[in-house]
PDB file of N, CA and C in Angstrom:
ATOM      1  N   MET A   1       9.154 -21.159  49.188  1.00  0.00           N
ATOM      2  CA  MET A   1       8.620 -21.723  47.621  1.00  0.00           C
ATOM      3  C   MET A   1       7.305 -21.409  47.349  1.00  0.00           C
ATOM      4  N   GLU A   2       6.950 -20.608  48.250  1.00  0.00           N
ATOM      5  CA  GLU A   2       5.536 -19.673  47.633  1.00  0.00           C
ATOM      6  C   GLU A   2       5.858 -19.047  47.196  1.00  0.00           C
ATOM      7  N   GLY A   3       6.658 -18.424  47.512  1.00  0.00           N
ATOM      8  CA  GLY A   3       7.197 -17.186  46.354  1.00  0.00           C
ATOM      9  C   GLY A   3       7.787 -17.210  45.454  1.00  0.00           C
ATOM     10  N   ARG A   4       8.296 -18.094  45.371  1.00  0.00           N
ATOM     11  CA  ARG A   4       9.262 -18.625  44.266  1.00  0.00           C
ATOM     12  C   ARG A   4       7.968 -19.094  42.914  1.00  0.00           C
ATOM     13  N   LEU A   5       7.122 -20.014  43.424  1.00  0.00           N
ATOM     14  CA  LEU A   5       6.118 -20.146  42.737  1.00  0.00           C
ATOM     15  C   LEU A   5       5.313 -18.685  41.875  1.00  0.00           C
ATOM     16  N   MET A   6       4.890 -17.732  42.941  1.00  0.00           N
ATOM     17  CA  MET A   6       4.339 -16.919  42.411  1.00  0.00           C
ATOM     18  C   MET A   6       5.661 -15.983  41.236  1.00  0.00           C
ATOM     19  N   GLN A   7       6.745 -15.814  41.556  1.00  0.00           N
ATOM     20  CA  GLN A   7       7.993 -15.362  40.785  1.00  0.00           C
ATOM     21  C   GLN A   7       7.935 -15.870  39.326  1.00  0.00           C
ATOM     22  N   LYS A   8       7.769 -17.818  39.258  1.00  0.00           N
ATOM     23  CA  LYS A   8       7.516 -18.118  37.732  1.00  0.00           C
ATOM     24  C   LYS A   8       6.225 -17.607  37.203  1.00  0.00           C
ATOM     25  N   SER A   9       5.043 -17.417  38.038  1.00  0.00           N
ATOM     26  CA  SER A   9       4.026 -17.297  37.072  1.00  0.00           C
ATOM     27  C   SER A   9       3.449 -15.712  37.110  1.00  0.00           C
ATOM     28  N   VAL A  10       4.814 -14.941  37.398  1.00  0.00           N
ATOM     29  CA  VAL A  10       4.473 -13.582  37.300  1.00  0.00           C
ATOM     30  C   VAL A  10       5.665 -13.357  35.698  1.00  0.00           C
ATOM     31  N   TRP A  11       6.872 -14.310  35.789  1.00  0.00           N
ATOM     32  CA  TRP A  11       7.788 -14.163  34.272  1.00  0.00           C
ATOM     33  C   TRP A  11       7.166 -15.196  33.588  1.00  0.00           C
ATOM     34  N   LYS A  12       6.281 -16.233  33.733  1.00  0.00           N
ATOM     35  CA  LYS A  12       5.228 -16.360  32.986  1.00  0.00           C
ATOM     36  C   LYS A  12       4.047 -15.565  31.753  1.00  0.00           C
ATOM     37  N   LYS A  13       3.374 -15.055  32.609  1.00  0.00           N
ATOM     38  CA  LYS A  13       2.881 -14.104  32.432  1.00  0.00           C
ATOM     39  C   LYS A  13       3.591 -12.954  31.508  1.00  0.00           C
ATOM     40  N   LEU A  14       4.443 -12.797  32.041  1.00  0.00           N
ATOM     41  CA  LEU A  14       5.090 -11.223  30.933  1.00  0.00           C
ATOM     42  C   LEU A  14       6.088 -11.790  30.265  1.00  0.00           C
ATOM     43  N   LEU A  15       6.319 -13.106  29.975  1.00  0.00           N
ATOM     44  CA  LEU A  15       6.863 -13.695  28.424  1.00  0.00           C
ATOM     45  C   LEU A  15       5.572 -13.569  27.484  1.00  0.00           C
ATOM     46  N   ILE A  16       4.401 -14.114  28.221  1.00  0.00           N
ATOM     47  CA  ILE A  16       3.117 -14.033  26.898  1.00  0.00           C
ATOM     48  C   ILE A  16       2.952 -12.815  26.525  1.00  0.00           C
ATOM     49  N   LEU A  17       2.674 -11.842  27.451  1.00  0.00           N
ATOM     50  CA  LEU A  17       2.072 -10.574  27.428  1.00  0.00           C
ATOM     51  C   LEU A  17       3.555  -9.725  26.084  1.00  0.00           C
ATOM     52  N   CYS A  18       4.256 -10.125  26.430  1.00  0.00           N
ATOM     53  CA  CYS A  18       5.788  -9.416  25.433  1.00  0.00           C
ATOM     54  C   CYS A  18       5.763 -10.311  23.841  1.00  0.00           C
ATOM     55  N   VAL A  19       5.404 -11.603  24.094  1.00  0.00           N
ATOM     56  CA  VAL A  19       4.848 -12.584  22.405  1.00  0.00           C
ATOM     57  C   VAL A  19       3.574 -12.429  21.893  1.00  0.00           C
ATOM     58  N   VAL A  20       2.512 -11.569  23.160  1.00  0.00           N
ATOM     59  CA  VAL A  20       1.403 -11.233  22.205  1.00  0.00           C
ATOM     60  C   VAL A  20       1.267  -9.859  21.545  1.00  0.00           C
ATOM     61  N   SER A  21       2.426  -8.952  22.393  1.00  0.00           N
ATOM     62  CA  SER A  21       2.535  -7.439  21.766  1.00  0.00           C
ATOM     63  C   SER A  21       3.577  -7.652  20.289  1.00  0.00           C
ATOM     64  N   LEU A  22       4.776  -8.879  20.659  1.00  0.00           N
ATOM     65  CA  LEU A  22       5.868  -8.675  19.422  1.00  0.00           C
ATOM     66  C   LEU A  22       4.644  -9.150  18.569  1.00  0.00           C
ATOM     67  N   PHE A  23       3.529 -10.025  18.373  1.00  0.00           N
ATOM     68  CA  PHE A  23       2.415 -10.460  17.629  1.00  0.00           C
ATOM     69  C   PHE A  23       2.003  -9.339  16.953  1.00  0.00           C
ATOM     70  N   CYS A  24       1.850  -8.659  17.786  1.00  0.00           N
ATOM     71  CA  CYS A  24       0.385  -7.316  17.346  1.00  0.00           C
ATOM     72  C   CYS A  24       0.837  -6.497  15.858  1.00  0.00           C
ATOM     73  N   VAL A  25       2.489  -6.005  16.727  1.00  0.00           N
ATOM     74  CA  VAL A  25       3.051  -5.122  16.269  1.00  0.00           C
ATOM     75  C   VAL A  25       3.873  -5.497  14.665  1.00  0.00           C
ATOM     76  N   VAL A  26       3.890  -7.259  14.734  1.00  0.00           N
ATOM     77  CA  VAL A  26       4.181  -7.546  13.538  1.00  0.00           C
ATOM     78  C   VAL A  26       2.955  -7.971  12.665  1.00  0.00           C
ATOM     79  N   SER A  27       2.122  -8.168  13.172  1.00  0.00           N
ATOM     80  CA  SER A  27       1.095  -7.967  12.083  1.00  0.00           C
ATOM     81  C   SER A  27       0.420  -6.466  11.348  1.00  0.00           C
ATOM     82  N   ALA A  28       0.403  -5.373  12.508  1.00  0.00           N
ATOM     83  CA  ALA A  28       0.738  -4.095  11.836  1.00  0.00           C
ATOM     84  C   ALA A  28       1.402  -3.819  10.962  1.00  0.00           C
ATOM     85  N   VAL A  29       2.504  -4.180  11.171  1.00  0.00           N
ATOM     86  CA  VAL A  29       3.340  -3.752   9.941  1.00  0.00           C
ATOM     87  C   VAL A  29       3.459  -4.050   8.740  1.00  0.00           C
ATOM     88  N   ALA A  30       2.828  -5.760   8.554  1.00  0.00           N
ATOM     89  CA  ALA A  30       2.278  -6.692   7.199  1.00  0.00           C
ATOM     90  C   ALA A  30       1.452  -5.992   6.792  1.00  0.00           C
ATOM     91  N   LEU A  31       0.242  -5.514   7.525  1.00  0.00           N
ATOM     92  CA  LEU A  31      -0.327  -5.239   7.103  1.00  0.00           C
ATOM     93  C   LEU A  31      -0.733  -3.864   5.910  1.00  0.00           C
ATOM     94  N   ALA A  32       0.379  -3.176   6.927  1.00  0.00           N
ATOM     95  CA  ALA A  32       0.416  -1.891   6.276  1.00  0.00           C
ATOM     96  C   ALA A  32       1.318  -1.245   5.192  1.00  0.00           C
ATOM     97  N   ALA A  33       2.222  -2.518   5.406  1.00  0.00           N
ATOM     98  CA  ALA A  33       3.133  -2.630   3.911  1.00  0.00           C
ATOM     99  C   ALA A  33       2.961  -3.047   3.131  1.00  0.00           C
ATOM    100  N   GLU A  34       1.802  -4.244   2.707  1.00  0.00           N
ATOM    101  CA  GLU A  34       1.005  -4.907   2.328  1.00  0.00           C
ATOM    102  C   GLU A  34       1.000  -4.416   0.905  1.00  0.00           C
ATOM    103  N   LYS A  35      -0.365  -3.257   0.703  1.00  0.00           N
ATOM    104  CA  LYS A  35      -0.792  -2.626  -0.214  1.00  0.00           C
ATOM    105  C   LYS A  35       0.355  -1.320  -0.559  1.00  0.00           C
ATOM    106  N   GLN A  36       0.557  -0.988  -1.714  1.00  0.00           N
ATOM    107  CA  GLN A  36       0.733   0.180  -2.020  1.00  0.00           C
ATOM    108  C   GLN A  36      -0.254   1.067  -3.606  1.00  0.00           C
ATOM    109  N   TRP A  37      -0.020   2.079  -3.687  1.00  0.00           N
ATOM    110  CA  TRP A  37      -0.581   2.528  -4.956  1.00  0.00           C
ATOM    111  C   TRP A  37       0.014   3.064  -6.354  1.00  0.00           C
ATOM    112  N   TYR A  38      -0.647   2.611  -7.192  1.00  0.00           N
ATOM    113  CA  TYR A  38       0.187   2.573  -8.517  1.00  0.00           C
ATOM    114  C   TYR A  38      -0.871   3.187  -9.292  1.00  0.00           C
ATOM    115  N   VAL A  39      -0.172   3.879 -10.512  1.00  0.00           N
ATOM    116  CA  VAL A  39      -1.225   4.188 -11.752  1.00  0.00           C
ATOM    117  C   VAL A  39      -0.717   3.280 -12.828  1.00  0.00           C
ATOM    118  N   LEU A  40      -2.332   3.443 -13.517  1.00  0.00           N
ATOM    119  CA  LEU A  40      -2.827   2.150 -14.187  1.00  0.00           C
ATOM    120  C   LEU A  40      -3.265   2.678 -15.473  1.00  0.00           C
ATOM    121  N   LYS A  41      -2.797   2.588 -16.748  1.00  0.00           N
ATOM    122  CA  LYS A  41      -3.536   2.930 -17.791  1.00  0.00           C
ATOM    123  C   LYS A  41      -3.927   1.758 -18.872  1.00  0.00           C
ATOM    124  N   ASP A  42      -5.395   2.141 -18.994  1.00  0.00           N
ATOM    125  CA  ASP A  42      -6.189   0.925 -20.009  1.00  0.00           C
ATOM    126  C   ASP A  42      -5.572   1.080 -21.731  1.00  0.00           C
ATOM    127  N   SER A  43      -6.132  -0.226 -22.509  1.00  0.00           N
ATOM    128  CA  SER A  43      -6.143  -0.059 -23.846  1.00  0.00           C
ATOM    129  C   SER A  43      -6.602   1.200 -23.961  1.00  0.00           C
ATOM    130  N   LYS A  44      -7.325   1.985 -23.567  1.00  0.00           N
ATOM    131  CA  LYS A  44      -8.216   3.028 -24.147  1.00  0.00           C
ATOM    132  C   LYS A  44      -7.833   4.071 -23.874  1.00  0.00           C
ATOM    133  N   GLY A  45      -6.597   4.001 -23.056  1.00  0.00           N
ATOM    134  CA  GLY A  45      -5.554   5.388 -22.731  1.00  0.00           C
ATOM    135  C   GLY A  45      -6.254   5.898 -21.410  1.00  0.00           C
ATOM    136  N   VAL A  46      -6.870   5.336 -20.990  1.00  0.00           N
ATOM    137  CA  VAL A  46      -7.785   5.952 -19.391  1.00  0.00           C
ATOM    138  C   VAL A  46      -6.654   5.452 -18.166  1.00  0.00           C
ATOM    139  N   CYS A  47      -6.717   6.692 -17.255  1.00  0.00           N
ATOM    140  CA  CYS A  47      -5.820   6.175 -16.181  1.00  0.00           C
ATOM    141  C   CYS A  47      -6.411   6.230 -15.170  1.00  0.00           C
ATOM    142  N   LYS A  48      -6.375   5.648 -14.212  1.00  0.00           N
ATOM    143  CA  LYS A  48      -6.832   5.690 -12.712  1.00  0.00           C
ATOM    144  C   LYS A  48      -5.352   4.813 -11.652  1.00  0.00           C
ATOM    145  N   VAL A  49      -5.928   5.843 -10.245  1.00  0.00           N
ATOM    146  CA  VAL A  49      -4.825   5.096  -9.311  1.00  0.00           C
ATOM    147  C   VAL A  49      -5.556   3.871  -8.535  1.00  0.00           C
ATOM    148  N   VAL A  50      -4.984   3.453  -8.172  1.00  0.00           N
ATOM    149  CA  VAL A  50      -5.207   1.894  -7.940  1.00  0.00           C
ATOM    150  C   VAL A  50      -4.538   1.300  -6.750  1.00  0.00           C
ATOM    151  N   GLN A  51      -5.276   0.444  -5.483  1.00  0.00           N
ATOM    152  CA  GLN A  51      -4.114  -0.104  -4.487  1.00  0.00           C
ATOM    153  C   GLN A  51      -4.159  -1.225  -5.054  1.00  0.00           C
ATOM    154  N   LEU A  52      -3.051  -1.799  -5.182  1.00  0.00           N
ATOM    155  CA  LEU A  52      -2.143  -3.380  -5.336  1.00  0.00           C
ATOM    156  C   LEU A  52      -1.234  -3.825  -4.607  1.00  0.00           C
ATOM    157  N   LYS A  53      -1.519  -5.332  -4.865  1.00  0.00           N
ATOM    158  CA  LYS A  53      -0.273  -5.782  -3.885  1.00  0.00           C
ATOM    159  C   LYS A  53       1.295  -5.895  -4.462  1.00  0.00           C
ATOM    160  N   GLU A  54       1.100  -5.898  -5.721  1.00  0.00           N
ATOM    161  CA  GLU A  54       2.237  -5.634  -6.850  1.00  0.00           C
ATOM    162  C   GLU A  54       2.140  -5.280  -8.338  1.00  0.00           C
ATOM    163  N   LYS A  55       2.901  -4.825  -8.934  1.00  0.00           N
ATOM    164  CA  LYS A  55       2.971  -4.178 -10.080  1.00  0.00           C
ATOM    165  C   LYS A  55       2.046  -5.238 -11.543  1.00  0.00           C
ATOM    166  N   SER A  56       1.356  -4.300 -12.089  1.00  0.00           N
ATOM    167  CA  SER A  56       0.461  -5.141 -13.197  1.00  0.00           C
ATOM    168  C   SER A  56       1.451  -4.905 -14.696  1.00  0.00           C
ATOM    169  N   PRO A  57       0.883  -5.426 -15.545  1.00  0.00           N
ATOM    170  CA  PRO A  57       1.827  -5.026 -16.837  1.00  0.00           C
ATOM    171  C   PRO A  57       0.995  -3.665 -17.665  1.00  0.00           C
ATOM    172  N   LYS A  58      -0.206  -3.366 -17.145  1.00  0.00           N
ATOM    173  CA  LYS A  58      -0.556  -1.637 -16.958  1.00  0.00           C
ATOM    174  C   LYS A  58      -0.173  -0.665 -16.375  1.00  0.00           C
ATOM    175  N   THR A  59       0.495  -0.755 -15.629  1.00  0.00           N
ATOM    176  CA  THR A  59       1.391   0.269 -14.330  1.00  0.00           C
ATOM    177  C   THR A  59       2.142   0.885 -15.400  1.00  0.00           C
ATOM    178  N   VAL A  60       2.074   2.493 -15.306  1.00  0.00           N
ATOM    179  CA  VAL A  60       2.776   3.213 -15.824  1.00  0.00           C
ATOM    180  C   VAL A  60       3.504   4.021 -15.147  1.00  0.00           C
ATOM    181  N   ALA A  61       3.142   3.754 -13.853  1.00  0.00           N
ATOM    182  CA  ALA A  61       3.694   4.817 -12.567  1.00  0.00           C
ATOM    183  C   ALA A  61       3.579   4.013 -11.177  1.00  0.00           C
ATOM    184  N   GLY A  62       4.576   4.091 -10.400  1.00  0.00           N
ATOM    185  CA  GLY A  62       4.073   3.462  -9.161  1.00  0.00           C
ATOM    186  C   GLY A  62       5.540   2.148  -8.723  1.00  0.00           C
ATOM    187  N   PRO A  63       5.482   2.002  -7.407  1.00  0.00           N
ATOM    188  CA  PRO A  63       4.927   1.959  -6.428  1.00  0.00           C
ATOM    189  C   PRO A  63       4.512   3.624  -5.525  1.00  0.00           C
ATOM    190  N   PHE A  64       3.791   4.123  -4.867  1.00  0.00           N
ATOM    191  CA  PHE A  64       3.506   5.292  -4.100  1.00  0.00           C
ATOM    192  C   PHE A  64       3.065   4.532  -2.783  1.00  0.00           C
ATOM    193  N   ALA A  65       3.260   5.437  -1.651  1.00  0.00           N
ATOM    194  CA  ALA A  65       2.693   4.645  -0.425  1.00  0.00           C
ATOM    195  C   ALA A  65       1.683   5.505   0.046  1.00  0.00           C
ATOM    196  N   ALA A  66       1.640   6.890  -0.321  1.00  0.00           N
ATOM    197  CA  ALA A  66       0.133   7.603  -0.462  1.00  0.00           C
ATOM    198  C   ALA A  66      -0.502   7.757  -1.855  1.00  0.00           C
ATOM    199  N   LYS A  67      -1.795   7.665  -1.748  1.00  0.00           N
ATOM    200  CA  LYS A  67      -2.880   7.711  -3.057  1.00  0.00           C
ATOM    201  C   LYS A  67      -2.626   9.265  -3.251  1.00  0.00           C
ATOM    202  N   ALA A  68      -2.272  10.076  -2.589  1.00  0.00           N
ATOM    203  CA  ALA A  68      -2.079  11.483  -3.029  1.00  0.00           C
ATOM    204  C   ALA A  68      -0.593  11.288  -4.114  1.00  0.00           C
ATOM    205  N   ASP A  69       0.755  10.888  -3.505  1.00  0.00           N
ATOM    206  CA  ASP A  69       1.446  10.977  -4.549  1.00  0.00           C
ATOM    207  C   ASP A  69       1.247  10.316  -5.416  1.00  0.00           C
ATOM    208  N   ALA A  70       0.415   9.019  -5.864  1.00  0.00           N
ATOM    209  CA  ALA A  70      -0.014   8.490  -7.074  1.00  0.00           C
ATOM    210  C   ALA A  70      -0.969   9.356  -8.016  1.00  0.00           C
ATOM    211  N   GLN A  71      -1.645  10.162  -7.105  1.00  0.00           N
ATOM    212  CA  GLN A  71      -2.329  11.438  -8.151  1.00  0.00           C
ATOM    213  C   GLN A  71      -1.927  12.368  -8.514  1.00  0.00           C
ATOM    214  N   LYS A  72      -0.965  12.565  -8.177  1.00  0.00           N
ATOM    215  CA  LYS A  72       0.042  13.918  -8.685  1.00  0.00           C
ATOM    216  C   LYS A  72       0.705  13.108  -9.611  1.00  0.00           C
ATOM    217  N   ALA A  73       1.695  12.166  -9.746  1.00  0.00           N
ATOM    218  CA  ALA A  73       2.284  11.151 -10.720  1.00  0.00           C
ATOM    219  C   ALA A  73       0.999  11.040 -11.998  1.00  0.00           C
ATOM    220  N   LYS A  74       0.160  10.291 -11.757  1.00  0.00           N
ATOM    221  CA  LYS A  74      -1.239  10.756 -12.804  1.00  0.00           C
ATOM    222  C   LYS A  74      -1.187  11.736 -13.339  1.00  0.00           C
ATOM    223  N   ALA A  75      -1.249  12.844 -12.522  1.00  0.00           N
ATOM    224  CA  ALA A  75      -1.723  14.632 -13.314  1.00  0.00           C
ATOM    225  C   ALA A  75      -0.335  14.418 -13.975  1.00  0.00           C
ATOM    226  N   GLU A  76       0.843  13.683 -13.892  1.00  0.00           N
ATOM    227  CA  GLU A  76       2.092  14.083 -14.854  1.00  0.00           C
ATOM    228  C   GLU A  76       2.383  13.082 -15.914  1.00  0.00           C
ATOM    229  N   VAL A  77       1.581  11.766 -15.715  1.00  0.00           N
ATOM    230  CA  VAL A  77       2.353  11.003 -16.626  1.00  0.00           C
ATOM    231  C   VAL A  77       0.684  11.001 -17.845  1.00  0.00           C
ATOM    232  N   CYS A  78      -0.215  11.255 -17.025  1.00  0.00           N
ATOM    233  CA  CYS A  78      -1.769  11.042 -17.978  1.00  0.00           C
ATOM    234  C   CYS A  78      -1.839  12.168 -18.090  1.00  0.00           C
ATOM    235  N   PRO A  79      -1.931  13.449 -18.684  1.00  0.00           N
ATOM    236  CA  PRO A  79      -2.562  14.530 -18.830  1.00  0.00           C
ATOM    237  C   PRO A  79      -3.586  14.924 -19.791  1.00  0.00           C
ATOM    238  N   LYS A  80      -4.692  15.482 -19.256  1.00  0.00           N
ATOM    239  CA  LYS A  80      -5.930  15.250 -20.149  1.00  0.00           C
ATOM    240  C   LYS A  80      -5.962  16.527 -20.944  1.00  0.00           C
ATOM    241  N   ALA A  81      -6.432  16.372 -22.438  1.00  0.00           N
ATOM    242  CA  ALA A  81      -7.109  17.025 -22.890  1.00  0.00           C
ATOM    243  C   ALA A  81      -7.270  18.502 -22.751  1.00  0.00           C
ATOM    244  N   SER A  82      -7.115  19.499 -23.249  1.00  0.00           N
ATOM    245  CA  SER A  82      -7.528  21.095 -23.044  1.00  0.00           C
ATOM    246  C   SER A  82      -9.088  20.496 -23.111  1.00  0.00           C
ATOM    247  N   PRO A  83      -9.872  21.569 -22.786  1.00  0.00           N
ATOM    248  CA  PRO A  83     -11.567  21.435 -22.570  1.00  0.00           C
ATOM    249  C   PRO A  83     -11.748  21.944 -24.061  1.00  0.00           C
ATOM    250  N   GLY A  84     -12.636  21.318 -24.953  1.00  0.00           N
ATOM    251  CA  GLY A  84     -12.906  22.660 -26.675  1.00  0.00           C
ATOM    252  C   GLY A  84     -11.414  21.784 -27.534  1.00  0.00           C
ATOM    253  N   LYS A  85     -10.161  21.591 -26.941  1.00  0.00           N
ATOM    254  CA  LYS A  85      -9.438  20.977 -28.260  1.00  0.00           C
ATOM    255  C   LYS A  85      -9.635  19.134 -28.133  1.00  0.00           C
ATOM    256  N   LYS A  86      -9.462  18.934 -29.233  1.00  0.00           N
ATOM    257  CA  LYS A  86      -9.505  17.265 -29.433  1.00  0.00           C
ATOM    258  C   LYS A  86      -8.223  17.111 -29.775  1.00  0.00           C
ATOM    259  N   GLU A  87      -7.560  16.008 -28.925  1.00  0.00           N
ATOM    260  CA  GLU A  87      -6.582  15.127 -29.775  1.00  0.00           C
ATOM    261  C   GLU A  87      -6.486  14.516 -31.133  1.00  0.00           C
ATOM    262  N   PRO A  88      -5.072  14.577 -31.501  1.00  0.00           N
ATOM    263  CA  PRO A  88      -5.544  13.965 -33.002  1.00  0.00           C
ATOM    264  C   PRO A  88      -5.731  12.503 -32.922  1.00  0.00           C
ATOM    265  N   ALA A  89      -6.337  12.009 -33.873  1.00  0.00           N
ATOM    266  CA  ALA A  89      -6.587  10.717 -33.970  1.00  0.00           C
ATOM    267  C   ALA A  89      -5.372   9.614 -34.084  1.00  0.00           C
ATOM    268  N   LYS A  90      -5.426   9.105 -33.924  1.00  0.00           N
ATOM    269  CA  LYS A  90      -3.972   7.736 -33.706  1.00  0.00           C
ATOM    270  C   LYS A  90      -4.056   7.099 -34.613  1.00  0.00           C
ATOM    271  N   LYS A  91      -2.874   7.181 -35.903  1.00  0.00           N
ATOM    272  CA  LYS A  91      -2.955   6.455 -37.116  1.00  0.00           C
ATOM    273  C   LYS A  91      -2.792   4.864 -36.944  1.00  0.00           C
ATOM    274  N   GLN A  92      -3.398   3.638 -37.379  1.00  0.00           N
ATOM    275  CA  GLN A  92      -3.258   2.432 -37.081  1.00  0.00           C
ATOM    276  C   GLN A  92      -2.733   1.463 -38.023  1.00  0.00           C
TER     277      GLN A  92
END
């Protein structure tokens, strides 16, 4: 009888350990996948790399898993003017 109670106790502890471990894994994956990197362009034409949960109306590129990938895309999508050269003024 005593061995049987001890066996139930071991199984109960093992089950609790498995549930807690599963919760930790699911939580870590959810937090890691929650935010991604985007390239945004404001009304003045300035681009920046930000981390968001979802796309915004100002998004010009993304989503990216890594910030470095978003910065590469920013260089392609929003090239800066060469030093010494001025961009032509836009007509409105």
